[in-house]
Amino acid sequence: MLRSACFAAGLFVGLWGLSFLAIDKLVMFQPEDRDPGIRGMLAKQVVNKETRPIIDPPDWAAFTLLSIGSVTMLYSIALPKHH
């Protein structure tokens, strides 16, 4: 059970790293009446005369997420099997 949970978490983090390699920034849709609670990479940008939140990850974030995900998946494979 622990092995599959670690593998799934590593796969999730690794896939986010792959997606950050493919995209430059992520423009999200948000209705005007809501205020986002995330502060880190979230900013506002004007698109077609309307302000939308964007996620603009730094260049090193993709490689960091890929390495953390791959090490976590390798750790899950190295865990001892319980019968």
PDB file of N, CA and C in Angstrom:
ATOM      1  N   MET A   1       0.830  -1.187   0.000  1.00  0.00           N
ATOM      2  CA  MET A   1       0.000   0.000   0.000  1.00  0.00           C
ATOM      3  C   MET A   1       0.877   1.255   0.000  1.00  0.00           C
ATOM      4  N   LEU A   2       1.909   1.256   0.844  1.00  0.00           N
ATOM      5  CA  LEU A   2       2.814   2.404   0.897  1.00  0.00           C
ATOM      6  C   LEU A   2       3.578   2.544  -0.414  1.00  0.00           C
ATOM      7  N   ARG A   3       3.916   1.417  -1.010  1.00  0.00           N
ATOM      8  CA  ARG A   3       4.651   1.429  -2.276  1.00  0.00           C
ATOM      9  C   ARG A   3       3.830   2.089  -3.376  1.00  0.00           C
ATOM     10  N   SER A   4       2.576   1.728  -3.491  1.00  0.00           N
ATOM     11  CA  SER A   4       1.745   2.312  -4.550  1.00  0.00           C
ATOM     12  C   SER A   4       1.428   3.778  -4.278  1.00  0.00           C
ATOM     13  N   ALA A   5       1.290   4.169  -3.025  1.00  0.00           N
ATOM     14  CA  ALA A   5       1.032   5.576  -2.699  1.00  0.00           C
ATOM     15  C   ALA A   5       2.253   6.435  -3.021  1.00  0.00           C
ATOM     16  N   CYS A   6       3.446   5.943  -2.699  1.00  0.00           N
ATOM     17  CA  CYS A   6       4.662   6.689  -3.029  1.00  0.00           C
ATOM     18  C   CYS A   6       4.859   6.781  -4.537  1.00  0.00           C
ATOM     19  N   PHE A   7       4.570   5.702  -5.235  1.00  0.00           N
ATOM     20  CA  PHE A   7       4.715   5.728  -6.686  1.00  0.00           C
ATOM     21  C   PHE A   7       3.725   6.702  -7.318  1.00  0.00           C
ATOM     22  N   ALA A   8       2.483   6.706  -6.839  1.00  0.00           N
ATOM     23  CA  ALA A   8       1.474   7.617  -7.380  1.00  0.00           C
ATOM     24  C   ALA A   8       1.830   9.072  -7.094  1.00  0.00           C
ATOM     25  N   ALA A   9       2.321   9.354  -5.898  1.00  0.00           N
ATOM     26  CA  ALA A   9       2.719  10.731  -5.569  1.00  0.00           C
ATOM     27  C   ALA A   9       3.900  11.175  -6.436  1.00  0.00           C
ATOM     28  N   GLY A  10       4.864  10.286  -6.637  1.00  0.00           N
ATOM     29  CA  GLY A  10       6.002  10.611  -7.494  1.00  0.00           C
ATOM     30  C   GLY A  10       5.601  10.811  -8.937  1.00  0.00           C
ATOM     31  N   LEU A  11       4.664  10.014  -9.419  1.00  0.00           N
ATOM     32  CA  LEU A  11       4.175  10.162 -10.784  1.00  0.00           C
ATOM     33  C   LEU A  11       3.440  11.483 -10.960  1.00  0.00           C
ATOM     34  N   PHE A  12       2.637  11.858  -9.975  1.00  0.00           N
ATOM     35  CA  PHE A  12       1.906  13.126 -10.017  1.00  0.00           C
ATOM     36  C   PHE A  12       2.863  14.313 -10.070  1.00  0.00           C
ATOM     37  N   VAL A  13       3.865  14.301  -9.206  1.00  0.00           N
ATOM     38  CA  VAL A  13       4.833  15.403  -9.168  1.00  0.00           C
ATOM     39  C   VAL A  13       5.659  15.421 -10.454  1.00  0.00           C
ATOM     40  N   GLY A  14       6.041  14.261 -10.946  1.00  0.00           N
ATOM     41  CA  GLY A  14       6.813  14.194 -12.185  1.00  0.00           C
ATOM     42  C   GLY A  14       6.031  14.680 -13.397  1.00  0.00           C
ATOM     43  N   LEU A  15       4.748  14.362 -13.443  1.00  0.00           N
ATOM     44  CA  LEU A  15       3.930  14.843 -14.558  1.00  0.00           C
ATOM     45  C   LEU A  15       3.745  16.352 -14.516  1.00  0.00           C
ATOM     46  N   TRP A  16       3.668  16.929 -13.317  1.00  0.00           N
ATOM     47  CA  TRP A  16       3.628  18.396 -13.221  1.00  0.00           C
ATOM     48  C   TRP A  16       4.931  18.987 -13.731  1.00  0.00           C
ATOM     49  N   GLY A  17       6.036  18.331 -13.457  1.00  0.00           N
ATOM     50  CA  GLY A  17       7.322  18.802 -13.974  1.00  0.00           C
ATOM     51  C   GLY A  17       7.386  18.751 -15.487  1.00  0.00           C
ATOM     52  N   LEU A  18       6.857  17.672 -16.077  1.00  0.00           N
ATOM     53  CA  LEU A  18       6.806  17.580 -17.536  1.00  0.00           C
ATOM     54  C   LEU A  18       5.908  18.655 -18.140  1.00  0.00           C
ATOM     55  N   SER A  19       4.802  18.934 -17.485  1.00  0.00           N
ATOM     56  CA  SER A  19       3.921  19.967 -18.021  1.00  0.00           C
ATOM     57  C   SER A  19       4.554  21.348 -17.901  1.00  0.00           C
ATOM     58  N   PHE A  20       5.334  21.593 -16.846  1.00  0.00           N
ATOM     59  CA  PHE A  20       6.024  22.879 -16.716  1.00  0.00           C
ATOM     60  C   PHE A  20       7.135  23.022 -17.751  1.00  0.00           C
ATOM     61  N   LEU A  21       7.676  21.897 -18.255  1.00  0.00           N
ATOM     62  CA  LEU A  21       8.648  21.973 -19.345  1.00  0.00           C
ATOM     63  C   LEU A  21       7.976  22.403 -20.644  1.00  0.00           C
ATOM     64  N   ALA A  22       6.729  21.996 -20.828  1.00  0.00           N
ATOM     65  CA  ALA A  22       6.035  22.248 -22.085  1.00  0.00           C
ATOM     66  C   ALA A  22       5.385  23.623 -22.157  1.00  0.00           C
ATOM     67  N   ILE A  23       5.035  24.204 -21.024  1.00  0.00           N
ATOM     68  CA  ILE A  23       4.327  25.484 -21.057  1.00  0.00           C
ATOM     69  C   ILE A  23       5.221  26.609 -20.550  1.00  0.00           C
ATOM     70  N   ASP A  24       4.946  27.814 -21.022  1.00  0.00           N
ATOM     71  CA  ASP A  24       5.671  28.984 -20.539  1.00  0.00           C
ATOM     72  C   ASP A  24       4.928  29.619 -19.380  1.00  0.00           C
ATOM     73  N   LYS A  25       3.614  29.771 -19.529  1.00  0.00           N
ATOM     74  CA  LYS A  25       2.775  30.262 -18.443  1.00  0.00           C
ATOM     75  C   LYS A  25       1.377  29.710 -18.641  1.00  0.00           C
ATOM     76  N   LEU A  26       0.629  29.634 -17.568  1.00  0.00           N
ATOM     77  CA  LEU A  26      -0.711  29.075 -17.581  1.00  0.00           C
ATOM     78  C   LEU A  26      -1.687  30.192 -17.227  1.00  0.00           C
ATOM     79  N   VAL A  27      -2.552  30.555 -18.181  1.00  0.00           N
ATOM     80  CA  VAL A  27      -3.553  31.595 -17.954  1.00  0.00           C
ATOM     81  C   VAL A  27      -4.850  30.901 -17.558  1.00  0.00           C
ATOM     82  N   MET A  28      -5.357  31.232 -16.387  1.00  0.00           N
ATOM     83  CA  MET A  28      -6.550  30.571 -15.853  1.00  0.00           C
ATOM     84  C   MET A  28      -7.762  31.475 -15.976  1.00  0.00           C
ATOM     85  N   PHE A  29      -8.919  30.857 -16.006  1.00  0.00           N
ATOM     86  CA  PHE A  29     -10.166  31.601 -16.001  1.00  0.00           C
ATOM     87  C   PHE A  29     -10.656  31.698 -14.569  1.00  0.00           C
ATOM     88  N   GLN A  30     -11.049  32.886 -14.171  1.00  0.00           N
ATOM     89  CA  GLN A  30     -11.587  33.082 -12.833  1.00  0.00           C
ATOM     90  C   GLN A  30     -12.648  34.177 -12.897  1.00  0.00           C
ATOM     91  N   PRO A  31     -13.829  33.922 -12.354  1.00  0.00           N
ATOM     92  CA  PRO A  31     -14.826  34.988 -12.303  1.00  0.00           C
ATOM     93  C   PRO A  31     -14.316  36.163 -11.473  1.00  0.00           C
ATOM     94  N   GLU A  32     -14.799  37.333 -11.752  1.00  0.00           N
ATOM     95  CA  GLU A  32     -14.306  38.548 -11.113  1.00  0.00           C
ATOM     96  C   GLU A  32     -14.634  38.640  -9.624  1.00  0.00           C
ATOM     97  N   ASP A  33     -15.613  37.883  -9.138  1.00  0.00           N
ATOM     98  CA  ASP A  33     -16.034  38.029  -7.745  1.00  0.00           C
ATOM     99  C   ASP A  33     -15.201  37.218  -6.759  1.00  0.00           C
ATOM    100  N   ARG A  34     -14.221  36.448  -7.224  1.00  0.00           N
ATOM    101  CA  ARG A  34     -13.416  35.618  -6.335  1.00  0.00           C
ATOM    102  C   ARG A  34     -11.994  36.150  -6.259  1.00  0.00           C
ATOM    103  N   ASP A  35     -11.403  36.046  -5.076  1.00  0.00           N
ATOM    104  CA  ASP A  35     -10.026  36.470  -4.858  1.00  0.00           C
ATOM    105  C   ASP A  35      -9.173  35.227  -4.623  1.00  0.00           C
ATOM    106  N   PRO A  36      -8.099  35.016  -5.406  1.00  0.00           N
ATOM    107  CA  PRO A  36      -7.291  33.808  -5.225  1.00  0.00           C
ATOM    108  C   PRO A  36      -6.509  33.851  -3.914  1.00  0.00           C
ATOM    109  N   GLY A  37      -6.334  32.685  -3.313  1.00  0.00           N
ATOM    110  CA  GLY A  37      -5.613  32.602  -2.059  1.00  0.00           C
ATOM    111  C   GLY A  37      -4.165  32.192  -2.228  1.00  0.00           C
ATOM    112  N   ILE A  38      -3.759  31.796  -3.439  1.00  0.00           N
ATOM    113  CA  ILE A  38      -2.390  31.360  -3.691  1.00  0.00           C
ATOM    114  C   ILE A  38      -1.539  32.594  -3.972  1.00  0.00           C
ATOM    115  N   ARG A  39      -0.374  32.680  -3.344  1.00  0.00           N
ATOM    116  CA  ARG A  39       0.452  33.867  -3.547  1.00  0.00           C
ATOM    117  C   ARG A  39       1.708  33.594  -4.355  1.00  0.00           C
ATOM    118  N   GLY A  40       2.302  32.427  -4.258  1.00  0.00           N
ATOM    119  CA  GLY A  40       3.620  32.159  -4.820  1.00  0.00           C
ATOM    120  C   GLY A  40       3.827  32.560  -6.263  1.00  0.00           C
ATOM    121  N   MET A  41       3.383  31.755  -7.216  1.00  0.00           N
ATOM    122  CA  MET A  41       3.605  32.016  -8.630  1.00  0.00           C
ATOM    123  C   MET A  41       2.408  32.695  -9.269  1.00  0.00           C
ATOM    124  N   LEU A  42       1.355  32.970  -8.499  1.00  0.00           N
ATOM    125  CA  LEU A  42       0.124  33.497  -9.057  1.00  0.00           C
ATOM    126  C   LEU A  42       0.192  35.008  -9.186  1.00  0.00           C
ATOM    127  N   ALA A  43      -0.136  35.509 -10.338  1.00  0.00           N
ATOM    128  CA  ALA A  43      -0.144  36.947 -10.580  1.00  0.00           C
ATOM    129  C   ALA A  43      -1.366  37.275 -11.434  1.00  0.00           C
ATOM    130  N   LYS A  44      -1.599  38.542 -11.678  1.00  0.00           N
ATOM    131  CA  LYS A  44      -2.706  38.978 -12.529  1.00  0.00           C
ATOM    132  C   LYS A  44      -2.140  39.514 -13.835  1.00  0.00           C
ATOM    133  N   GLN A  45      -2.834  39.257 -14.920  1.00  0.00           N
ATOM    134  CA  GLN A  45      -2.422  39.747 -16.221  1.00  0.00           C
ATOM    135  C   GLN A  45      -3.661  40.163 -16.997  1.00  0.00           C
ATOM    136  N   VAL A  46      -3.541  41.219 -17.792  1.00  0.00           N
ATOM    137  CA  VAL A  46      -4.660  41.698 -18.593  1.00  0.00           C
ATOM    138  C   VAL A  46      -4.663  40.959 -19.919  1.00  0.00           C
ATOM    139  N   VAL A  47      -5.754  40.231 -20.202  1.00  0.00           N
ATOM    140  CA  VAL A  47      -5.933  39.491 -21.446  1.00  0.00           C
ATOM    141  C   VAL A  47      -7.265  39.926 -22.034  1.00  0.00           C
ATOM    142  N   ASN A  48      -7.228  40.507 -23.238  1.00  0.00           N
ATOM    143  CA  ASN A  48      -8.440  40.981 -23.915  1.00  0.00           C
ATOM    144  C   ASN A  48      -9.257  41.912 -23.024  1.00  0.00           C
ATOM    145  N   LYS A  49      -8.586  42.899 -22.443  1.00  0.00           N
ATOM    146  CA  LYS A  49      -9.204  43.903 -21.569  1.00  0.00           C
ATOM    147  C   LYS A  49      -9.860  43.301 -20.336  1.00  0.00           C
ATOM    148  N   GLU A  50      -9.359  42.193 -19.875  1.00  0.00           N
ATOM    149  CA  GLU A  50      -9.893  41.559 -18.668  1.00  0.00           C
ATOM    150  C   GLU A  50      -8.722  40.984 -17.890  1.00  0.00           C
ATOM    151  N   THR A  51      -8.770  41.108 -16.592  1.00  0.00           N
ATOM    152  CA  THR A  51      -7.678  40.635 -15.744  1.00  0.00           C
ATOM    153  C   THR A  51      -7.900  39.179 -15.383  1.00  0.00           C
ATOM    154  N   ARG A  52      -6.898  38.352 -15.664  1.00  0.00           N
ATOM    155  CA  ARG A  52      -6.974  36.922 -15.354  1.00  0.00           C
ATOM    156  C   ARG A  52      -5.748  36.524 -14.538  1.00  0.00           C
ATOM    157  N   PRO A  53      -5.928  35.568 -13.620  1.00  0.00           N
ATOM    158  CA  PRO A  53      -4.755  35.065 -12.888  1.00  0.00           C
ATOM    159  C   PRO A  53      -3.908  34.160 -13.781  1.00  0.00           C
ATOM    160  N   ILE A  54      -2.602  34.245 -13.630  1.00  0.00           N
ATOM    161  CA  ILE A  54      -1.689  33.398 -14.389  1.00  0.00           C
ATOM    162  C   ILE A  54      -0.747  32.693 -13.426  1.00  0.00           C
ATOM    163  N   ILE A  55      -0.269  31.527 -13.845  1.00  0.00           N
ATOM    164  CA  ILE A  55       0.801  30.826 -13.131  1.00  0.00           C
ATOM    165  C   ILE A  55       2.015  30.890 -14.037  1.00  0.00           C
ATOM    166  N   ASP A  56       3.050  31.552 -13.570  1.00  0.00           N
ATOM    167  CA  ASP A  56       4.280  31.717 -14.337  1.00  0.00           C
ATOM    168  C   ASP A  56       5.422  31.088 -13.544  1.00  0.00           C
ATOM    169  N   PRO A  57       5.648  29.767 -13.716  1.00  0.00           N
ATOM    170  CA  PRO A  57       6.679  29.098 -12.914  1.00  0.00           C
ATOM    171  C   PRO A  57       8.077  29.506 -13.370  1.00  0.00           C
ATOM    172  N   PRO A  58       9.032  29.547 -12.441  1.00  0.00           N
ATOM    173  CA  PRO A  58      10.417  29.825 -12.839  1.00  0.00           C
ATOM    174  C   PRO A  58      10.977  28.664 -13.664  1.00  0.00           C
ATOM    175  N   ASP A  59      12.067  28.918 -14.354  1.00  0.00           N
ATOM    176  CA  ASP A  59      12.643  27.900 -15.234  1.00  0.00           C
ATOM    177  C   ASP A  59      13.114  26.663 -14.476  1.00  0.00           C
ATOM    178  N   TRP A  60      13.564  26.833 -13.239  1.00  0.00           N
ATOM    179  CA  TRP A  60      14.096  25.696 -12.486  1.00  0.00           C
ATOM    180  C   TRP A  60      12.991  24.818 -11.890  1.00  0.00           C
ATOM    181  N   ALA A  61      11.742  25.273 -11.875  1.00  0.00           N
ATOM    182  CA  ALA A  61      10.671  24.506 -11.235  1.00  0.00           C
ATOM    183  C   ALA A  61      10.405  23.183 -11.957  1.00  0.00           C
ATOM    184  N   ALA A  62      10.495  23.176 -13.283  1.00  0.00           N
ATOM    185  CA  ALA A  62      10.238  21.947 -14.035  1.00  0.00           C
ATOM    186  C   ALA A  62      11.256  20.866 -13.691  1.00  0.00           C
ATOM    187  N   PHE A  63      12.526  21.237 -13.663  1.00  0.00           N
ATOM    188  CA  PHE A  63      13.569  20.254 -13.373  1.00  0.00           C
ATOM    189  C   PHE A  63      13.529  19.792 -11.919  1.00  0.00           C
ATOM    190  N   THR A  64      13.163  20.683 -11.028  1.00  0.00           N
ATOM    191  CA  THR A  64      13.046  20.309  -9.621  1.00  0.00           C
ATOM    192  C   THR A  64      11.919  19.311  -9.420  1.00  0.00           C
ATOM    193  N   LEU A  65      10.753  19.589 -10.015  1.00  0.00           N
ATOM    194  CA  LEU A  65       9.627  18.664  -9.876  1.00  0.00           C
ATOM    195  C   LEU A  65       9.908  17.323 -10.543  1.00  0.00           C
ATOM    196  N   LEU A  66      10.566  17.335 -11.693  1.00  0.00           N
ATOM    197  CA  LEU A  66      10.926  16.075 -12.353  1.00  0.00           C
ATOM    198  C   LEU A  66      11.876  15.247 -11.494  1.00  0.00           C
ATOM    199  N   SER A  67      12.874  15.884 -10.895  1.00  0.00           N
ATOM    200  CA  SER A  67      13.829  15.122 -10.091  1.00  0.00           C
ATOM    201  C   SER A  67      13.195  14.608  -8.803  1.00  0.00           C
ATOM    202  N   ILE A  68      12.359  15.407  -8.155  1.00  0.00           N
ATOM    203  CA  ILE A  68      11.689  14.942  -6.934  1.00  0.00           C
ATOM    204  C   ILE A  68      10.748  13.786  -7.254  1.00  0.00           C
ATOM    205  N   GLY A  69      10.010  13.892  -8.358  1.00  0.00           N
ATOM    206  CA  GLY A  69       9.095  12.817  -8.744  1.00  0.00           C
ATOM    207  C   GLY A  69       9.822  11.534  -9.092  1.00  0.00           C
ATOM    208  N   SER A  70      10.932  11.647  -9.816  1.00  0.00           N
ATOM    209  CA  SER A  70      11.649  10.429 -10.199  1.00  0.00           C
ATOM    210  C   SER A  70      12.324   9.769  -8.996  1.00  0.00           C
ATOM    211  N   VAL A  71      12.864  10.552  -8.076  1.00  0.00           N
ATOM    212  CA  VAL A  71      13.477   9.973  -6.877  1.00  0.00           C
ATOM    213  C   VAL A  71      12.414   9.303  -6.010  1.00  0.00           C
ATOM    214  N   THR A  72      11.235   9.897  -5.921  1.00  0.00           N
ATOM    215  CA  THR A  72      10.151   9.290  -5.142  1.00  0.00           C
ATOM    216  C   THR A  72       9.691   7.978  -5.769  1.00  0.00           C
ATOM    217  N   MET A  73       9.607   7.923  -7.103  1.00  0.00           N
ATOM    218  CA  MET A  73       9.219   6.668  -7.760  1.00  0.00           C
ATOM    219  C   MET A  73      10.300   5.605  -7.590  1.00  0.00           C
ATOM    220  N   LEU A  74      11.575   5.999  -7.670  1.00  0.00           N
ATOM    221  CA  LEU A  74      12.643   5.034  -7.440  1.00  0.00           C
ATOM    222  C   LEU A  74      12.641   4.530  -6.004  1.00  0.00           C
ATOM    223  N   TYR A  75      12.333   5.414  -5.072  1.00  0.00           N
ATOM    224  CA  TYR A  75      12.233   5.001  -3.664  1.00  0.00           C
ATOM    225  C   TYR A  75      11.099   3.992  -3.478  1.00  0.00           C
ATOM    226  N   SER A  76       9.988   4.218  -4.164  1.00  0.00           N
ATOM    227  CA  SER A  76       8.855   3.293  -4.009  1.00  0.00           C
ATOM    228  C   SER A  76       9.188   1.910  -4.570  1.00  0.00           C
ATOM    229  N   ILE A  77      10.003   1.870  -5.602  1.00  0.00           N
ATOM    230  CA  ILE A  77      10.411   0.571  -6.166  1.00  0.00           C
ATOM    231  C   ILE A  77      11.383  -0.133  -5.228  1.00  0.00           C
ATOM    232  N   ALA A  78      12.214   0.631  -4.512  1.00  0.00           N
ATOM    233  CA  ALA A  78      13.216   0.049  -3.632  1.00  0.00           C
ATOM    234  C   ALA A  78      12.660  -0.371  -2.279  1.00  0.00           C
ATOM    235  N   LEU A  79      11.416  -0.009  -1.958  1.00  0.00           N
ATOM    236  CA  LEU A  79      10.833  -0.412  -0.684  1.00  0.00           C
ATOM    237  C   LEU A  79      10.725  -1.933  -0.608  1.00  0.00           C
ATOM    238  N   PRO A  80      10.937  -2.508   0.557  1.00  0.00           N
ATOM    239  CA  PRO A  80      10.829  -3.966   0.667  1.00  0.00           C
ATOM    240  C   PRO A  80       9.372  -4.418   0.539  1.00  0.00           C
ATOM    241  N   LYS A  81       9.201  -5.577  -0.083  1.00  0.00           N
ATOM    242  CA  LYS A  81       7.855  -6.135  -0.249  1.00  0.00           C
ATOM    243  C   LYS A  81       7.440  -6.839   1.027  1.00  0.00           C
ATOM    244  N   HIS A  82       6.207  -6.582   1.460  1.00  0.00           N
ATOM    245  CA  HIS A  82       5.652  -7.285   2.610  1.00  0.00           C
ATOM    246  C   HIS A  82       4.613  -8.272   2.109  1.00  0.00           C
ATOM    247  N   HIS A  83       4.758  -9.521   2.520  1.00  0.00           N
ATOM    248  CA  HIS A  83       3.841 -10.573   2.047  1.00  0.00           C
ATOM    249  C   HIS A  83       2.753 -10.782   3.043  1.00  0.00           C
TER     250      HIS A  83
END
